[in-house]
Amino acid sequence: MVEFELVDVEIPEGTNVVLGQSHFIKTVEDLYETIAESGMSIKFGLAFCEASMKRLVRSDGNDPELVKHAEKEALKVGAGHCFLVFLQEGFPINVVNRIQGVSEVTTLYAATANPLKVVIAKEGEQRGIMGVLDGLKPLGVEGEEDKGERREFLRKIGYKR
């Protein structure tokens, strides 16, 4: 019998998270290297849920607090082969294509700073991610003033000229 659970992922203020799935223990080292080699001065911590053998949460990163946080949140999600990367002083847009290019990464579910919930299916000793709830529902359609604010914001943070 399959049961479903909704897991809240705690995202500290000023932090973004990338949630994905992979298929091999070397994910931890490969994700570390791909983020470190991005050319960005991003602080990060990552954790990966090993799905066989010792079934441990494997972790790494360049910020001990973010590594501990990633470990805690990975244990909460607890789905086989999932990984979480918590980023500060940078955005997912800086690394998400690189993460998707890691050979053992199979899926990305979210890259966000918004409230995040993970829909988990459970059956016996297995847990899997069915999807995510990312952010909140829209309140309407942007108007001209909103478009101007969006354009101004993107230029303020350096993503547009």
N, C-alpha and C. Protein backbone atom coordinates (compact mmCIF):
# COMPACT_ATOMS: atom_id res chain seq x y z
N MET A 1 0.84 -1.18 0.00
CA MET A 1 0.00 0.00 0.00
C MET A 1 0.89 1.24 0.00
N VAL A 2 0.71 2.12 -0.96
CA VAL A 2 1.48 3.35 -1.06
C VAL A 2 0.81 4.43 -0.22
N GLU A 3 1.64 5.11 0.58
CA GLU A 3 1.17 6.24 1.37
C GLU A 3 1.87 7.49 0.87
N PHE A 4 1.24 8.63 1.08
CA PHE A 4 1.84 9.90 0.66
C PHE A 4 2.11 10.78 1.87
N GLU A 5 3.16 11.56 1.77
CA GLU A 5 3.56 12.48 2.84
C GLU A 5 4.02 13.78 2.19
N LEU A 6 3.77 14.88 2.86
CA LEU A 6 4.22 16.19 2.42
C LEU A 6 5.33 16.65 3.37
N VAL A 7 6.53 16.87 2.83
CA VAL A 7 7.68 17.26 3.64
C VAL A 7 8.03 18.72 3.35
N ASP A 8 8.03 19.55 4.40
CA ASP A 8 8.46 20.95 4.28
C ASP A 8 9.98 21.01 4.27
N VAL A 9 10.55 21.68 3.28
CA VAL A 9 11.99 21.91 3.25
C VAL A 9 12.23 23.30 3.81
N GLU A 10 13.02 23.37 4.87
CA GLU A 10 13.34 24.65 5.49
C GLU A 10 14.46 25.32 4.70
N ILE A 11 14.17 26.53 4.22
CA ILE A 11 15.16 27.28 3.45
C ILE A 11 15.51 28.53 4.25
N PRO A 12 16.72 28.60 4.78
CA PRO A 12 17.11 29.78 5.57
C PRO A 12 17.03 31.07 4.74
N GLU A 13 16.80 32.18 5.42
CA GLU A 13 16.75 33.50 4.78
C GLU A 13 18.03 33.72 3.97
N GLY A 14 17.89 34.24 2.76
CA GLY A 14 19.04 34.52 1.92
C GLY A 14 19.66 33.30 1.26
N THR A 15 18.91 32.21 1.26
CA THR A 15 19.42 30.94 0.73
C THR A 15 18.49 30.42 -0.36
N ASN A 16 19.04 29.75 -1.33
CA ASN A 16 18.28 29.04 -2.37
C ASN A 16 18.58 27.56 -2.23
N VAL A 17 17.68 26.74 -2.76
CA VAL A 17 17.89 25.30 -2.74
C VAL A 17 17.66 24.72 -4.13
N VAL A 18 18.45 23.74 -4.48
CA VAL A 18 18.24 22.93 -5.68
C VAL A 18 17.95 21.52 -5.19
N LEU A 19 16.83 20.96 -5.62
CA LEU A 19 16.43 19.60 -5.26
C LEU A 19 16.42 18.76 -6.51
N GLY A 20 17.12 17.62 -6.46
CA GLY A 20 17.17 16.76 -7.63
C GLY A 20 17.32 15.30 -7.26
N GLN A 21 17.48 14.49 -8.30
CA GLN A 21 17.69 13.06 -8.13
C GLN A 21 18.85 12.63 -8.99
N SER A 22 19.59 11.67 -8.48
CA SER A 22 20.77 11.15 -9.14
C SER A 22 20.74 9.63 -9.04
N HIS A 23 21.84 8.97 -9.41
CA HIS A 23 21.80 7.50 -9.35
C HIS A 23 23.09 6.85 -8.88
N PHE A 24 24.00 7.62 -8.28
CA PHE A 24 25.28 6.99 -7.98
C PHE A 24 25.98 7.72 -6.85
N ILE A 25 26.72 7.00 -6.03
CA ILE A 25 27.38 7.55 -4.84
C ILE A 25 28.36 8.67 -5.17
N LYS A 26 28.93 8.70 -6.37
CA LYS A 26 29.88 9.75 -6.69
C LYS A 26 29.22 11.10 -6.93
N THR A 27 27.90 11.15 -6.82
CA THR A 27 27.15 12.41 -6.96
C THR A 27 27.70 13.49 -6.05
N VAL A 28 28.00 13.14 -4.80
CA VAL A 28 28.46 14.13 -3.82
C VAL A 28 29.72 14.83 -4.32
N GLU A 29 30.70 14.07 -4.73
CA GLU A 29 31.95 14.67 -5.19
C GLU A 29 31.77 15.42 -6.50
N ASP A 30 30.98 14.88 -7.41
CA ASP A 30 30.78 15.53 -8.70
C ASP A 30 30.00 16.84 -8.55
N LEU A 31 28.97 16.86 -7.69
CA LEU A 31 28.25 18.11 -7.47
C LEU A 31 29.15 19.15 -6.81
N TYR A 32 29.96 18.72 -5.84
CA TYR A 32 30.90 19.65 -5.21
C TYR A 32 31.79 20.28 -6.27
N GLU A 33 32.39 19.45 -7.11
CA GLU A 33 33.32 19.95 -8.12
C GLU A 33 32.64 20.87 -9.12
N THR A 34 31.45 20.51 -9.56
CA THR A 34 30.80 21.34 -10.58
C THR A 34 30.39 22.70 -10.03
N ILE A 35 30.01 22.77 -8.76
CA ILE A 35 29.66 24.06 -8.16
C ILE A 35 30.93 24.86 -7.88
N ALA A 36 31.96 24.20 -7.34
CA ALA A 36 33.22 24.88 -7.04
C ALA A 36 33.88 25.41 -8.31
N GLU A 37 33.72 24.69 -9.43
CA GLU A 37 34.34 25.09 -10.70
C GLU A 37 33.50 26.09 -11.49
N SER A 38 32.37 26.51 -10.94
CA SER A 38 31.45 27.39 -11.68
C SER A 38 32.01 28.79 -11.90
N GLY A 39 33.05 29.15 -11.17
CA GLY A 39 33.60 30.49 -11.30
C GLY A 39 32.88 31.49 -10.43
N MET A 40 31.86 31.05 -9.70
CA MET A 40 31.10 31.92 -8.81
C MET A 40 31.63 31.74 -7.38
N SER A 41 31.56 32.78 -6.58
CA SER A 41 31.95 32.69 -5.17
C SER A 41 30.73 32.34 -4.34
N ILE A 42 30.18 31.17 -4.59
CA ILE A 42 28.96 30.72 -3.93
C ILE A 42 29.32 29.91 -2.69
N LYS A 43 28.64 30.22 -1.58
CA LYS A 43 28.74 29.36 -0.40
C LYS A 43 27.69 28.27 -0.57
N PHE A 44 28.05 27.01 -0.28
CA PHE A 44 27.09 25.94 -0.48
C PHE A 44 27.34 24.75 0.43
N GLY A 45 26.28 24.01 0.62
CA GLY A 45 26.32 22.73 1.29
C GLY A 45 25.38 21.80 0.55
N LEU A 46 25.76 20.54 0.43
CA LEU A 46 24.92 19.60 -0.31
C LEU A 46 24.86 18.27 0.43
N ALA A 47 23.77 17.56 0.19
CA ALA A 47 23.59 16.23 0.78
C ALA A 47 22.87 15.34 -0.21
N PHE A 48 23.22 14.06 -0.18
CA PHE A 48 22.72 13.05 -1.11
C PHE A 48 22.27 11.83 -0.31
N CYS A 49 21.07 11.35 -0.58
CA CYS A 49 20.52 10.17 0.12
C CYS A 49 20.89 8.90 -0.64
N GLU A 50 21.84 8.16 -0.10
CA GLU A 50 22.27 6.90 -0.68
C GLU A 50 21.10 5.90 -0.59
N ALA A 51 20.81 5.19 -1.67
CA ALA A 51 19.63 4.33 -1.72
C ALA A 51 19.92 2.85 -1.54
N SER A 52 21.19 2.47 -1.43
CA SER A 52 21.53 1.07 -1.22
C SER A 52 22.81 1.01 -0.37
N MET A 53 23.31 -0.17 -0.16
CA MET A 53 24.50 -0.42 0.65
C MET A 53 24.28 0.14 2.06
N LYS A 54 25.07 1.11 2.50
CA LYS A 54 24.94 1.63 3.87
C LYS A 54 23.74 2.56 4.04
N ARG A 55 23.18 3.07 2.94
CA ARG A 55 22.01 3.97 2.97
C ARG A 55 22.23 5.17 3.89
N LEU A 56 23.33 5.86 3.66
CA LEU A 56 23.68 7.02 4.46
C LEU A 56 23.35 8.31 3.71
N VAL A 57 23.26 9.40 4.43
CA VAL A 57 23.22 10.72 3.82
C VAL A 57 24.68 11.14 3.65
N ARG A 58 25.10 11.29 2.42
CA ARG A 58 26.47 11.69 2.10
C ARG A 58 26.46 13.21 1.88
N SER A 59 27.51 13.92 2.30
CA SER A 59 27.47 15.37 2.22
C SER A 59 28.84 15.98 1.93
N ASP A 60 28.80 17.25 1.49
CA ASP A 60 30.01 18.02 1.23
C ASP A 60 29.60 19.47 1.05
N GLY A 61 30.57 20.33 0.85
CA GLY A 61 30.31 21.74 0.63
C GLY A 61 31.46 22.58 1.14
N ASN A 62 31.33 23.89 0.95
CA ASN A 62 32.39 24.79 1.41
C ASN A 62 31.94 25.66 2.59
N ASP A 63 30.74 25.41 3.11
CA ASP A 63 30.23 26.13 4.26
C ASP A 63 29.66 25.12 5.26
N PRO A 64 30.32 24.95 6.41
CA PRO A 64 29.90 23.91 7.37
C PRO A 64 28.44 24.03 7.82
N GLU A 65 27.93 25.25 8.00
CA GLU A 65 26.53 25.41 8.42
C GLU A 65 25.57 24.96 7.33
N LEU A 66 25.88 25.30 6.08
CA LEU A 66 25.01 24.86 4.98
C LEU A 66 25.10 23.35 4.77
N VAL A 67 26.27 22.76 5.00
CA VAL A 67 26.40 21.30 4.90
C VAL A 67 25.52 20.64 5.95
N LYS A 68 25.59 21.10 7.21
CA LYS A 68 24.75 20.53 8.28
C LYS A 68 23.27 20.69 7.96
N HIS A 69 22.90 21.85 7.43
CA HIS A 69 21.50 22.09 7.09
C HIS A 69 21.06 21.14 5.96
N ALA A 70 21.91 20.96 4.97
CA ALA A 70 21.59 20.05 3.87
C ALA A 70 21.40 18.62 4.40
N GLU A 71 22.25 18.20 5.32
CA GLU A 71 22.13 16.86 5.91
C GLU A 71 20.77 16.71 6.62
N LYS A 72 20.42 17.71 7.41
CA LYS A 72 19.16 17.67 8.17
C LYS A 72 17.96 17.59 7.23
N GLU A 73 17.95 18.41 6.19
CA GLU A 73 16.82 18.43 5.27
C GLU A 73 16.78 17.16 4.41
N ALA A 74 17.94 16.63 4.04
CA ALA A 74 17.97 15.38 3.28
C ALA A 74 17.39 14.23 4.09
N LEU A 75 17.70 14.18 5.38
CA LEU A 75 17.11 13.15 6.25
C LEU A 75 15.59 13.29 6.30
N LYS A 76 15.08 14.53 6.34
CA LYS A 76 13.63 14.74 6.35
C LYS A 76 12.98 14.23 5.07
N VAL A 77 13.57 14.57 3.93
CA VAL A 77 13.01 14.13 2.64
C VAL A 77 13.18 12.62 2.53
N GLY A 78 14.39 12.14 2.74
CA GLY A 78 14.67 10.71 2.84
C GLY A 78 14.31 9.86 1.64
N ALA A 79 14.26 10.44 0.45
CA ALA A 79 13.92 9.68 -0.75
C ALA A 79 15.20 9.17 -1.41
N GLY A 80 15.17 7.94 -1.89
CA GLY A 80 16.34 7.33 -2.49
C GLY A 80 16.92 8.16 -3.62
N HIS A 81 18.22 8.36 -3.53
CA HIS A 81 19.02 9.05 -4.54
C HIS A 81 18.68 10.52 -4.74
N CYS A 82 17.93 11.12 -3.81
CA CYS A 82 17.68 12.56 -3.94
C CYS A 82 18.86 13.34 -3.39
N PHE A 83 19.01 14.57 -3.85
CA PHE A 83 20.04 15.46 -3.32
C PHE A 83 19.46 16.85 -3.15
N LEU A 84 20.02 17.57 -2.19
CA LEU A 84 19.68 18.96 -1.96
C LEU A 84 20.98 19.76 -1.93
N VAL A 85 20.97 20.90 -2.61
CA VAL A 85 22.10 21.82 -2.59
C VAL A 85 21.58 23.16 -2.08
N PHE A 86 22.11 23.64 -0.97
CA PHE A 86 21.74 24.94 -0.42
C PHE A 86 22.83 25.94 -0.80
N LEU A 87 22.41 27.08 -1.38
CA LEU A 87 23.33 28.08 -1.92
C LEU A 87 23.12 29.44 -1.26
N GLN A 88 24.22 30.12 -0.99
CA GLN A 88 24.18 31.52 -0.55
C GLN A 88 25.19 32.30 -1.38
N GLU A 89 24.95 33.60 -1.50
CA GLU A 89 25.83 34.49 -2.26
C GLU A 89 25.88 34.10 -3.73
N GLY A 90 24.78 33.59 -4.23
CA GLY A 90 24.62 33.21 -5.62
C GLY A 90 23.21 32.68 -5.81
N PHE A 91 22.86 32.43 -7.04
CA PHE A 91 21.52 31.96 -7.37
C PHE A 91 21.61 30.63 -8.11
N PRO A 92 20.54 29.84 -8.09
CA PRO A 92 20.55 28.59 -8.85
C PRO A 92 20.89 28.80 -10.32
N ILE A 93 20.46 29.93 -10.90
CA ILE A 93 20.74 30.19 -12.32
C ILE A 93 22.24 30.13 -12.61
N ASN A 94 23.07 30.38 -11.58
CA ASN A 94 24.52 30.34 -11.75
C ASN A 94 25.06 28.93 -11.89
N VAL A 95 24.33 27.92 -11.42
CA VAL A 95 24.87 26.56 -11.41
C VAL A 95 23.92 25.48 -11.93
N VAL A 96 22.66 25.80 -12.17
CA VAL A 96 21.69 24.74 -12.48
C VAL A 96 22.02 24.00 -13.78
N ASN A 97 22.48 24.70 -14.80
CA ASN A 97 22.84 24.00 -16.04
C ASN A 97 24.03 23.08 -15.82
N ARG A 98 24.98 23.54 -15.00
CA ARG A 98 26.14 22.69 -14.68
C ARG A 98 25.69 21.45 -13.91
N ILE A 99 24.77 21.63 -12.94
CA ILE A 99 24.26 20.50 -12.17
C ILE A 99 23.55 19.50 -13.09
N GLN A 100 22.72 20.02 -14.01
CA GLN A 100 22.02 19.13 -14.95
C GLN A 100 22.99 18.38 -15.84
N GLY A 101 24.18 18.94 -16.05
CA GLY A 101 25.18 18.30 -16.91
C GLY A 101 26.01 17.23 -16.21
N VAL A 102 25.86 17.09 -14.89
CA VAL A 102 26.58 16.04 -14.18
C VAL A 102 26.03 14.69 -14.64
N SER A 103 26.90 13.79 -15.05
CA SER A 103 26.47 12.57 -15.75
C SER A 103 25.48 11.72 -14.98
N GLU A 104 25.55 11.69 -13.65
CA GLU A 104 24.62 10.83 -12.91
C GLU A 104 23.34 11.54 -12.46
N VAL A 105 23.22 12.85 -12.70
CA VAL A 105 21.99 13.57 -12.34
C VAL A 105 20.91 13.21 -13.35
N THR A 106 19.76 12.76 -12.84
CA THR A 106 18.67 12.33 -13.72
C THR A 106 17.52 13.34 -13.79
N THR A 107 17.27 14.07 -12.70
CA THR A 107 16.11 14.96 -12.63
C THR A 107 16.38 16.12 -11.69
N LEU A 108 15.89 17.30 -12.05
CA LEU A 108 15.82 18.42 -11.11
C LEU A 108 14.35 18.70 -10.86
N TYR A 109 13.98 18.78 -9.59
CA TYR A 109 12.60 19.04 -9.21
C TYR A 109 12.34 20.51 -8.91
N ALA A 110 13.33 21.20 -8.35
CA ALA A 110 13.13 22.60 -7.96
C ALA A 110 14.47 23.30 -7.82
N ALA A 111 14.45 24.59 -8.07
CA ALA A 111 15.57 25.49 -7.81
C ALA A 111 14.91 26.78 -7.35
N THR A 112 14.94 27.05 -6.04
CA THR A 112 14.07 28.10 -5.51
C THR A 112 14.54 28.63 -4.17
N ALA A 113 14.02 29.81 -3.82
CA ALA A 113 14.15 30.36 -2.47
C ALA A 113 12.76 30.46 -1.86
N ASN A 114 11.75 30.05 -2.60
CA ASN A 114 10.35 30.11 -2.16
C ASN A 114 10.03 28.99 -1.18
N PRO A 115 8.91 29.10 -0.47
CA PRO A 115 8.48 27.95 0.35
C PRO A 115 8.42 26.70 -0.53
N LEU A 116 8.97 25.60 -0.02
CA LEU A 116 9.07 24.37 -0.80
C LEU A 116 8.58 23.19 0.02
N LYS A 117 7.69 22.43 -0.58
CA LYS A 117 7.21 21.18 0.01
C LYS A 117 7.46 20.07 -1.02
N VAL A 118 7.84 18.90 -0.52
CA VAL A 118 8.12 17.75 -1.39
C VAL A 118 7.04 16.70 -1.15
N VAL A 119 6.41 16.25 -2.23
CA VAL A 119 5.40 15.21 -2.15
C VAL A 119 6.13 13.87 -2.25
N ILE A 120 6.04 13.08 -1.18
CA ILE A 120 6.76 11.81 -1.07
C ILE A 120 5.76 10.66 -1.11
N ALA A 121 6.09 9.63 -1.88
CA ALA A 121 5.35 8.36 -1.83
C ALA A 121 6.19 7.39 -1.00
N LYS A 122 5.51 6.65 -0.10
CA LYS A 122 6.20 5.69 0.77
C LYS A 122 5.55 4.32 0.59
N GLU A 123 6.42 3.30 0.48
CA GLU A 123 5.94 1.91 0.41
C GLU A 123 7.03 1.05 1.03
N GLY A 124 6.75 0.52 2.20
CA GLY A 124 7.75 -0.28 2.89
C GLY A 124 8.98 0.55 3.21
N GLU A 125 10.15 0.07 2.80
CA GLU A 125 11.42 0.77 3.05
C GLU A 125 11.75 1.79 1.96
N GLN A 126 10.87 1.96 0.99
CA GLN A 126 11.16 2.87 -0.12
C GLN A 126 10.41 4.18 0.02
N ARG A 127 11.08 5.27 -0.41
CA ARG A 127 10.49 6.61 -0.47
C ARG A 127 10.91 7.23 -1.79
N GLY A 128 9.97 7.88 -2.46
CA GLY A 128 10.30 8.54 -3.72
C GLY A 128 9.61 9.87 -3.84
N ILE A 129 10.22 10.78 -4.59
CA ILE A 129 9.66 12.10 -4.81
C ILE A 129 8.66 12.03 -5.97
N MET A 130 7.43 12.45 -5.69
CA MET A 130 6.39 12.48 -6.72
C MET A 130 6.31 13.86 -7.39
N GLY A 131 6.75 14.87 -6.67
CA GLY A 131 6.72 16.23 -7.19
C GLY A 131 6.97 17.21 -6.06
N VAL A 132 6.83 18.49 -6.37
CA VAL A 132 7.07 19.53 -5.38
C VAL A 132 5.98 20.59 -5.45
N LEU A 133 5.82 21.30 -4.34
CA LEU A 133 5.01 22.50 -4.28
C LEU A 133 6.01 23.63 -4.08
N ASP A 134 6.16 24.50 -5.07
CA ASP A 134 7.20 25.53 -5.08
C ASP A 134 6.53 26.91 -5.06
N GLY A 135 6.66 27.62 -3.96
CA GLY A 135 6.12 28.97 -3.87
C GLY A 135 4.62 28.97 -3.63
N LEU A 136 4.00 30.08 -3.98
CA LEU A 136 2.58 30.29 -3.74
C LEU A 136 1.86 30.54 -5.06
N LYS A 137 0.53 30.41 -5.08
CA LYS A 137 -0.23 30.59 -6.32
C LYS A 137 -0.28 32.06 -6.71
N PRO A 138 -0.44 32.35 -8.02
CA PRO A 138 -0.48 33.72 -8.51
C PRO A 138 -1.71 34.48 -7.97
N LEU A 139 -1.54 35.79 -7.81
CA LEU A 139 -2.64 36.64 -7.36
C LEU A 139 -3.26 37.42 -8.51
N GLY A 140 -2.68 37.36 -9.69
CA GLY A 140 -3.20 38.08 -10.85
C GLY A 140 -2.18 38.09 -11.95
N VAL A 141 -2.42 38.95 -12.95
CA VAL A 141 -1.53 39.10 -14.10
C VAL A 141 -0.80 40.43 -13.97
N GLU A 142 0.49 40.44 -14.31
CA GLU A 142 1.27 41.67 -14.17
C GLU A 142 0.75 42.77 -15.09
N GLY A 143 0.80 44.00 -14.57
CA GLY A 143 0.46 45.18 -15.35
C GLY A 143 1.73 45.88 -15.78
N GLU A 144 1.57 47.04 -16.40
CA GLU A 144 2.74 47.78 -16.91
C GLU A 144 3.69 48.16 -15.78
N GLU A 145 3.17 48.60 -14.63
CA GLU A 145 4.02 48.96 -13.50
C GLU A 145 4.81 47.74 -13.01
N ASP A 146 4.15 46.59 -12.95
CA ASP A 146 4.80 45.35 -12.53
C ASP A 146 5.91 44.95 -13.51
N LYS A 147 5.65 45.12 -14.80
CA LYS A 147 6.66 44.81 -15.82
C LYS A 147 7.89 45.69 -15.63
N GLY A 148 7.66 46.96 -15.36
CA GLY A 148 8.77 47.88 -15.12
C GLY A 148 9.57 47.48 -13.90
N GLU A 149 8.88 47.09 -12.81
CA GLU A 149 9.57 46.64 -11.59
C GLU A 149 10.40 45.39 -11.85
N ARG A 150 9.84 44.46 -12.64
CA ARG A 150 10.57 43.23 -12.98
C ARG A 150 11.84 43.56 -13.74
N ARG A 151 11.71 44.40 -14.76
CA ARG A 151 12.86 44.77 -15.58
C ARG A 151 13.92 45.49 -14.75
N GLU A 152 13.48 46.39 -13.87
CA GLU A 152 14.39 47.13 -13.00
C GLU A 152 15.12 46.19 -12.04
N PHE A 153 14.40 45.24 -11.47
CA PHE A 153 15.00 44.28 -10.54
C PHE A 153 16.09 43.46 -11.22
N LEU A 154 15.82 42.96 -12.43
CA LEU A 154 16.81 42.15 -13.15
C LEU A 154 18.08 42.93 -13.45
N ARG A 155 17.94 44.21 -13.70
CA ARG A 155 19.11 45.05 -13.95
C ARG A 155 19.85 45.38 -12.65
N LYS A 156 19.08 45.56 -11.58
CA LYS A 156 19.68 45.86 -10.29
C LYS A 156 20.58 44.73 -9.82
N ILE A 157 20.16 43.48 -10.04
CA ILE A 157 20.97 42.34 -9.59
C ILE A 157 21.97 41.87 -10.65
N GLY A 158 22.05 42.60 -11.78
CA GLY A 158 23.08 42.34 -12.77
C GLY A 158 22.78 41.26 -13.80
N TYR A 159 21.53 40.84 -13.92
CA TYR A 159 21.20 39.80 -14.89
C TYR A 159 20.76 40.33 -16.24
N LYS A 160 20.55 41.62 -16.33
CA LYS A 160 20.26 42.27 -17.60
C LYS A 160 21.02 43.58 -17.62
N ARG A 161 21.29 44.10 -18.82
CA ARG A 161 22.02 45.36 -18.95
C ARG A 161 21.06 46.51 -18.98
